Protein backbone atom coordinates (compact mmCIF):
# COMPACT_ATOMS: atom_id res chain seq x y z
CA MET A 1 77.15 292.50 29.60
CA LEU A 2 77.13 293.35 26.58
CA ALA A 3 80.72 293.57 27.15
CA VAL A 4 80.97 290.33 27.46
CA THR A 5 78.84 288.85 24.76
CA GLY A 6 81.09 290.77 22.06
CA MET A 7 84.35 289.47 23.79
CA ARG A 8 82.68 285.33 23.46
CA ARG A 9 81.30 286.64 20.01
CA ARG A 10 85.16 287.94 19.04
CA GLN A 11 86.51 284.57 20.57
CA ARG A 12 84.28 282.24 18.59
CA GLY A 13 85.32 283.81 15.77
CA VAL A 14 88.88 283.43 16.60
CA ALA A 15 88.41 279.92 17.14
CA LEU A 16 86.12 279.82 13.44
CA ILE A 17 89.65 281.37 11.86
CA THR A 18 91.84 279.28 13.79
CA ALA A 19 89.48 276.15 12.59
CA VAL A 20 89.76 277.10 8.74
CA LEU A 21 93.39 277.33 8.93
CA ILE A 22 93.99 274.13 10.82
CA VAL A 23 92.02 272.42 8.04
CA ALA A 24 93.51 274.59 4.95
CA LEU A 25 97.33 273.18 6.50
CA ALA A 26 96.17 269.62 7.11
CA THR A 27 94.44 269.70 3.31
CA MET A 28 97.52 271.48 1.85
CA LEU A 29 99.72 268.75 3.81
CA ALA A 30 97.42 265.77 2.42
CA THR A 31 97.44 267.00 -0.87
CA GLN A 32 101.66 267.18 -0.70
CA ILE A 33 101.20 263.52 0.98
CA GLY A 34 99.80 262.16 -1.89
CA PHE A 35 101.53 264.02 -4.41
CA ASP A 36 104.90 263.04 -3.46
CA SER A 37 103.30 259.29 -3.12
CA ALA A 38 101.92 259.65 -6.65
CA LEU A 39 105.20 261.08 -7.93
CA GLU A 40 107.47 258.53 -5.94
CA GLN A 41 105.38 255.80 -7.20
CA ARG A 42 105.70 257.08 -10.87
CA ARG A 43 109.69 257.30 -10.32
CA SER A 44 109.55 253.64 -9.03
CA SER A 45 107.94 252.41 -12.17
CA THR A 46 109.78 254.44 -14.61
CA MET A 47 112.75 253.05 -13.02
CA LEU A 48 111.56 249.42 -13.25
CA PHE A 49 110.54 250.03 -16.71
CA LEU A 50 113.64 251.16 -17.68
CA ASP A 51 116.00 248.05 -15.51
CA GLN A 52 112.85 245.71 -17.58
CA GLY A 53 113.77 247.63 -20.81
CA PHE A 54 117.67 247.62 -20.62
CA LEU A 55 117.45 243.64 -19.91
CA VAL A 56 115.54 243.39 -22.98
CA GLY A 57 117.95 245.70 -25.12
CA LEU A 58 120.50 243.45 -24.39
CA GLY A 59 118.49 240.27 -25.49
CA ALA A 60 118.11 241.88 -28.45
CA GLU A 61 122.06 242.67 -28.56
CA ALA A 62 122.30 238.75 -27.51
CA TRP A 63 120.34 238.46 -30.38
CA ALA A 64 121.86 240.06 -33.03
CA ALA A 65 126.01 238.81 -31.97
CA SER A 66 124.03 235.15 -32.59
CA PHE A 67 122.67 236.23 -36.04
CA LEU A 68 125.69 237.59 -37.14
CA LYS A 69 127.79 234.65 -35.71
CA ASP A 70 125.68 232.46 -38.34
CA ASP A 71 125.87 235.23 -40.80
CA LEU A 72 129.42 234.73 -41.04
CA ALA A 73 129.31 231.08 -41.39
CA ASP A 74 127.18 231.03 -44.35
CA SER A 75 128.43 234.36 -46.36
CA GLU A 76 131.82 235.45 -47.18
CA GLN A 77 130.15 238.80 -48.18
CA ASP A 78 128.09 241.50 -46.76
CA HIS A 79 125.49 243.37 -47.95
CA LEU A 80 121.81 244.71 -47.98
CA GLY A 81 120.56 242.32 -49.55
CA GLU A 82 121.08 239.81 -46.69
CA ARG A 83 118.57 239.16 -43.86
CA TRP A 84 120.93 241.04 -41.19
CA ALA A 85 120.06 244.20 -42.84
CA THR A 86 116.15 243.64 -42.24
CA PRO A 87 114.64 246.06 -40.20
CA ILE A 88 113.07 244.89 -37.10
CA PRO A 89 109.19 245.32 -36.89
CA PRO A 90 107.31 245.85 -33.69
CA ILE A 91 107.93 243.33 -31.81
CA PRO A 92 105.39 242.53 -28.53
CA ILE A 93 107.08 242.03 -25.17
CA ASP A 94 105.24 241.94 -21.69
CA GLY A 95 103.66 245.09 -21.22
CA GLY A 96 105.19 246.81 -24.44
CA VAL A 97 106.94 246.42 -27.57
CA ILE A 98 110.37 246.37 -28.81
CA GLU A 99 111.89 247.58 -32.49
CA GLY A 100 115.14 248.18 -34.28
CA ALA A 101 117.89 247.47 -37.11
CA LEU A 102 120.79 246.47 -37.27
CA GLU A 103 123.51 248.39 -39.53
CA ASP A 104 126.83 248.06 -40.93
CA MET A 105 129.33 250.58 -39.63
CA GLN A 106 131.86 250.34 -41.96
CA ALA A 107 129.31 251.71 -44.57
CA ARG A 108 130.10 254.90 -43.41
CA PHE A 109 133.52 257.17 -43.03
CA ASN A 110 135.33 256.39 -40.25
CA VAL A 111 136.24 260.07 -38.80
CA ASN A 112 139.78 257.90 -36.88
CA GLN A 113 141.08 257.07 -40.67
CA LEU A 114 141.61 261.15 -40.25
CA VAL A 115 145.28 260.20 -38.59
CA THR A 116 147.42 257.45 -39.03
CA ALA A 117 148.18 254.98 -36.69
CA GLN A 118 150.91 256.94 -35.23
CA GLY A 119 149.40 260.12 -35.09
CA ALA A 120 149.76 262.37 -37.91
CA VAL A 121 147.77 263.69 -40.42
CA ASN A 122 146.26 261.16 -43.00
CA ALA A 123 146.43 262.80 -46.26
CA GLU A 124 144.25 260.13 -48.01
CA GLY A 125 141.81 260.45 -45.06
CA LEU A 126 141.85 264.01 -45.35
CA ARG A 127 141.18 264.02 -49.08
CA GLU A 128 138.47 261.93 -48.15
CA PHE A 129 136.47 263.47 -45.75
CA GLN A 130 136.79 266.26 -48.00
CA ASN A 131 135.24 264.98 -50.85
CA LEU A 132 132.63 263.26 -48.98
CA LEU A 133 131.92 267.06 -46.99
CA SER A 134 131.66 268.53 -50.64
CA ALA A 135 128.85 266.00 -51.51
CA LEU A 136 126.98 267.11 -48.57
CA GLU A 137 127.21 270.79 -49.90
CA LEU A 138 129.48 271.65 -46.48
CA GLU A 139 132.29 273.33 -46.01
CA THR A 140 135.48 271.30 -46.79
CA LYS A 141 137.70 273.12 -44.12
CA TRP A 142 136.01 271.27 -41.47
CA ALA A 143 138.18 268.33 -42.54
CA ALA A 144 141.17 269.84 -41.68
CA ILE A 145 139.67 270.98 -38.49
CA PHE A 146 139.21 268.10 -37.17
CA ALA A 147 142.26 266.04 -38.21
CA ASP A 148 143.98 268.27 -35.95
CA TRP A 149 141.50 267.66 -33.35
CA LEU A 150 142.32 263.87 -33.55
CA ASP A 151 146.31 264.34 -34.18
CA VAL A 152 148.94 264.02 -31.53
CA ASP A 153 150.99 267.29 -32.59
CA THR A 154 150.16 270.85 -32.19
CA GLN A 155 150.99 272.87 -35.38
CA PRO A 156 147.62 273.25 -37.40
CA THR A 157 147.35 272.07 -40.44
CA PHE A 158 147.73 274.95 -43.18
CA PRO A 159 145.13 277.00 -44.04
CA ASP A 160 142.62 275.52 -42.34
CA GLY A 161 143.40 274.03 -39.03
CA ALA A 162 142.73 274.23 -35.16
CA GLU A 163 144.81 273.55 -32.18
CA ASP A 164 144.57 273.57 -28.50
CA ASP A 165 145.25 277.88 -28.79
CA VAL A 166 141.62 277.73 -29.98
CA TYR A 167 140.10 275.53 -27.83
CA THR A 168 141.59 276.84 -24.81
CA SER A 169 140.02 280.31 -25.33
CA GLN A 170 136.62 279.05 -25.40
CA THR A 171 134.13 278.99 -22.23
CA PRO A 172 134.79 276.80 -20.86
CA PRO A 173 138.29 275.78 -22.09
CA TYR A 174 139.23 272.43 -23.53
CA ARG A 175 142.09 271.11 -25.51
CA ALA A 176 142.00 268.48 -28.32
CA ALA A 177 141.67 265.25 -28.37
CA ASN A 178 145.28 264.48 -29.79
CA GLY A 179 143.79 260.94 -30.31
CA PRO A 180 141.53 258.34 -31.83
CA VAL A 181 137.34 258.97 -30.50
CA THR A 182 134.73 257.09 -30.09
CA SER A 183 131.58 258.81 -30.78
CA VAL A 184 131.49 261.05 -33.97
CA SER A 185 129.50 263.64 -31.37
CA GLU A 186 133.27 265.00 -30.58
CA LEU A 187 132.20 267.24 -34.06
CA LEU A 188 130.38 269.71 -31.53
CA SER A 189 133.14 270.23 -29.82
CA ILE A 190 134.47 272.04 -32.58
CA PRO A 191 133.21 276.01 -32.51
CA GLU A 192 130.72 277.26 -34.59
CA PHE A 193 130.43 273.35 -36.38
CA GLY A 194 127.24 273.58 -35.21
CA LEU A 195 124.16 271.05 -35.07
CA GLU A 196 122.97 271.31 -38.30
CA ARG A 197 125.82 270.31 -39.89
CA TYR A 198 126.39 267.70 -37.80
CA GLN A 199 123.02 266.02 -38.57
CA ARG A 200 123.50 266.71 -42.11
CA LEU A 201 126.31 264.48 -41.56
CA ARG A 202 126.16 262.09 -38.79
CA PRO A 203 124.35 259.34 -41.05
CA TYR A 204 127.28 258.92 -42.98
CA ILE A 205 130.50 258.91 -40.67
CA THR A 206 131.65 256.75 -37.75
CA ALA A 207 134.60 256.34 -35.53
CA LEU A 208 136.08 252.83 -35.29
CA PRO A 209 139.77 251.96 -34.93
CA ILE A 210 141.95 253.26 -37.84
CA GLY A 211 142.87 251.29 -40.42
CA THR A 212 139.11 249.83 -40.80
CA LYS A 213 137.83 249.19 -44.26
CA ILE A 214 134.69 250.71 -45.86
CA ASN A 215 132.78 248.10 -47.32
CA THR A 216 131.61 249.28 -50.76
CA CYS A 217 128.63 246.68 -50.50
CA THR A 218 126.68 248.81 -47.86
CA ALA A 219 128.33 251.73 -48.52
CA SER A 220 126.14 255.33 -49.16
CA GLY A 221 126.80 256.41 -52.58
CA PHE A 222 128.57 259.37 -51.00
CA VAL A 223 130.61 257.65 -49.31
CA ILE A 224 131.67 255.78 -52.37
CA ASP A 225 132.19 258.92 -54.39
CA SER A 226 134.23 260.00 -52.04
CA LEU A 227 136.89 257.80 -52.40
CA SER A 228 137.83 259.41 -55.38
CA ASP A 229 137.67 262.90 -56.59
CA GLY A 230 135.63 264.89 -58.63
CA THR A 231 133.67 261.02 -58.99
CA LYS A 232 129.61 261.21 -59.16
CA GLU A 233 129.12 257.70 -60.56
CA PHE A 234 127.04 255.86 -57.31
CA SER A 235 125.44 259.26 -55.18
CA VAL A 236 123.63 261.15 -58.46
CA ASP A 237 120.75 257.69 -58.68
CA LEU A 238 120.34 256.29 -55.01
CA GLU A 239 117.22 254.58 -55.52
CA GLY A 240 119.09 252.79 -58.36
CA LEU A 241 121.83 251.51 -56.19
CA ALA A 242 119.71 250.50 -53.57
CA ARG A 243 117.59 248.20 -56.47
CA GLN A 244 120.76 246.91 -57.32
CA ARG A 245 121.50 246.15 -54.09
CA GLN A 246 118.33 243.98 -53.11
CA GLU A 247 119.98 240.34 -53.94
CA ARG A 248 123.61 241.06 -54.25
CA CYS A 249 126.72 242.50 -53.67
CA PHE A 250 127.11 246.26 -55.93
CA PRO A 251 129.75 247.71 -56.24
CA THR A 252 132.07 245.09 -57.11
CA PRO A 253 135.91 245.54 -57.01
CA ASP A 254 135.08 245.19 -60.90
CA ASP A 255 132.65 247.95 -60.71
CA LEU A 256 134.22 250.20 -58.96
CA LYS A 257 137.70 249.97 -61.36
CA ALA A 258 135.30 250.73 -63.79
CA ALA A 259 134.09 254.00 -62.60
CA PHE A 260 137.29 255.64 -61.05
CA GLY A 261 139.90 254.08 -63.51
CA GLU A 262 142.50 251.87 -62.97
CA GLU A 263 145.44 254.47 -60.81
CA ALA A 264 142.29 255.37 -58.81
CA PHE A 265 141.28 252.09 -57.93
CA LYS A 266 144.47 250.81 -56.91
CA ARG A 267 145.09 254.06 -54.54
CA ILE A 268 142.09 253.15 -52.66
CA SER A 269 142.36 249.38 -53.34
CA ALA A 270 143.31 248.69 -49.86
CA ARG A 271 141.13 251.03 -48.52
CA VAL A 272 137.91 249.00 -49.08
CA GLU A 273 135.94 245.30 -48.80
CA ASP A 274 132.98 243.57 -49.51
CA LYS A 275 132.83 242.35 -45.88
CA SER A 276 132.18 243.66 -42.16
CA ASN A 277 133.42 242.92 -38.71
CA TYR A 278 131.90 246.14 -37.14
CA PHE A 279 128.03 246.22 -36.77
CA ARG A 280 125.82 248.74 -34.65
CA ARG A 281 122.40 247.00 -32.74
CA THR A 282 120.15 249.66 -32.61
CA ALA A 283 116.91 248.73 -29.37
CA ILE A 284 114.22 250.58 -29.19
CA VAL A 285 112.20 249.27 -26.03
CA THR A 286 108.97 250.79 -25.24
CA ILE A 287 107.53 249.38 -21.84
CA GLY A 288 104.03 251.76 -20.42
CA THR A 289 104.97 254.96 -21.12
CA THR A 290 108.55 254.66 -20.74
CA GLN A 291 110.84 254.30 -24.03
CA LEU A 292 114.13 253.11 -23.80
CA SER A 293 116.77 253.17 -26.73
CA LEU A 294 119.61 250.77 -26.69
CA TYR A 295 123.02 251.41 -29.18
CA SER A 296 125.54 248.57 -29.06
CA LEU A 297 128.36 248.48 -31.03
CA LEU A 298 129.19 244.67 -31.95
CA GLN A 299 132.50 243.81 -33.31
CA ARG A 300 132.91 240.19 -35.26
CA ASP A 301 135.59 238.08 -35.64
CA THR A 302 136.29 234.10 -36.45
CA THR A 303 136.25 234.00 -32.35
CA GLY A 304 132.58 234.87 -32.01
CA VAL A 305 130.50 238.44 -31.68
CA ARG A 306 131.44 240.78 -28.54
CA PRO A 307 129.53 244.54 -27.68
CA VAL A 308 132.60 246.94 -27.73
CA LEU A 309 130.89 250.00 -26.70
CA ARG A 310 126.85 250.87 -25.35
CA SER A 311 125.41 254.29 -25.35
CA LEU A 312 122.01 254.58 -24.33
CA GLY A 313 119.55 257.76 -25.64
CA THR A 314 121.96 258.63 -28.27
CA ASP A 315 123.88 256.97 -30.64
């Protein structure tokens, strides 16, 4: 009798443990299903917000294109006192906000100017880039190294150049571009150049077609001074430079001639102008908890304005 009673107790214990395990497994399964459902819902809403943000960004791009087209009809110059150069304050949209700016990319040094249209190293572009690096307190050797990244030959520029023998020894190995680039981020492909140097240099450089001129009405003082060896006329007082640009183009050709001298101005006259054809539209769209950044490189000419390059997240 006692044996039967003990057996029943053990059976009830096993049944209780089994029931607890079933409840635990059911709870874990329900929790996992709930988590997956919430994650899927969040993922779906994020994708929806990103799609909406991209469309809003395209709308801002079209708005900027229309604005630039009207500006071309109204003005023969492009300077920082014009309406297009005013940053756009946050504008409410359905479920979020959009903000951004329109920037003249011909206000920067064009890294593709380091080579000629035939693919050889451009001595004038190399000199200007060296001057810009020096003004920003960076080593001038990087100018020759990046010129070799762009030129079509395989011979390193003496004494600081670098060609495929340097890049194929990296892990993983790769080769030089041997042609114009579409993004200045390719500077990060140079061994030991590093993110810190890149971030210091990035606001002053761009990647545009070879032969694109610098707009001195909008260019940084560092970029303007880099056109002439040893000149620090426009970079010593950046606030004063900004004040003179509030309503007009500065420096004009006469200002450059007075600052650089007649001979130096003749050398750079074919490299500068007071109008621009390339602009970058930055649109930062926030919808809910999702943020999207759309960078659009716009080309403007007498036939209209069109996007030639778009990037998301980084410029």
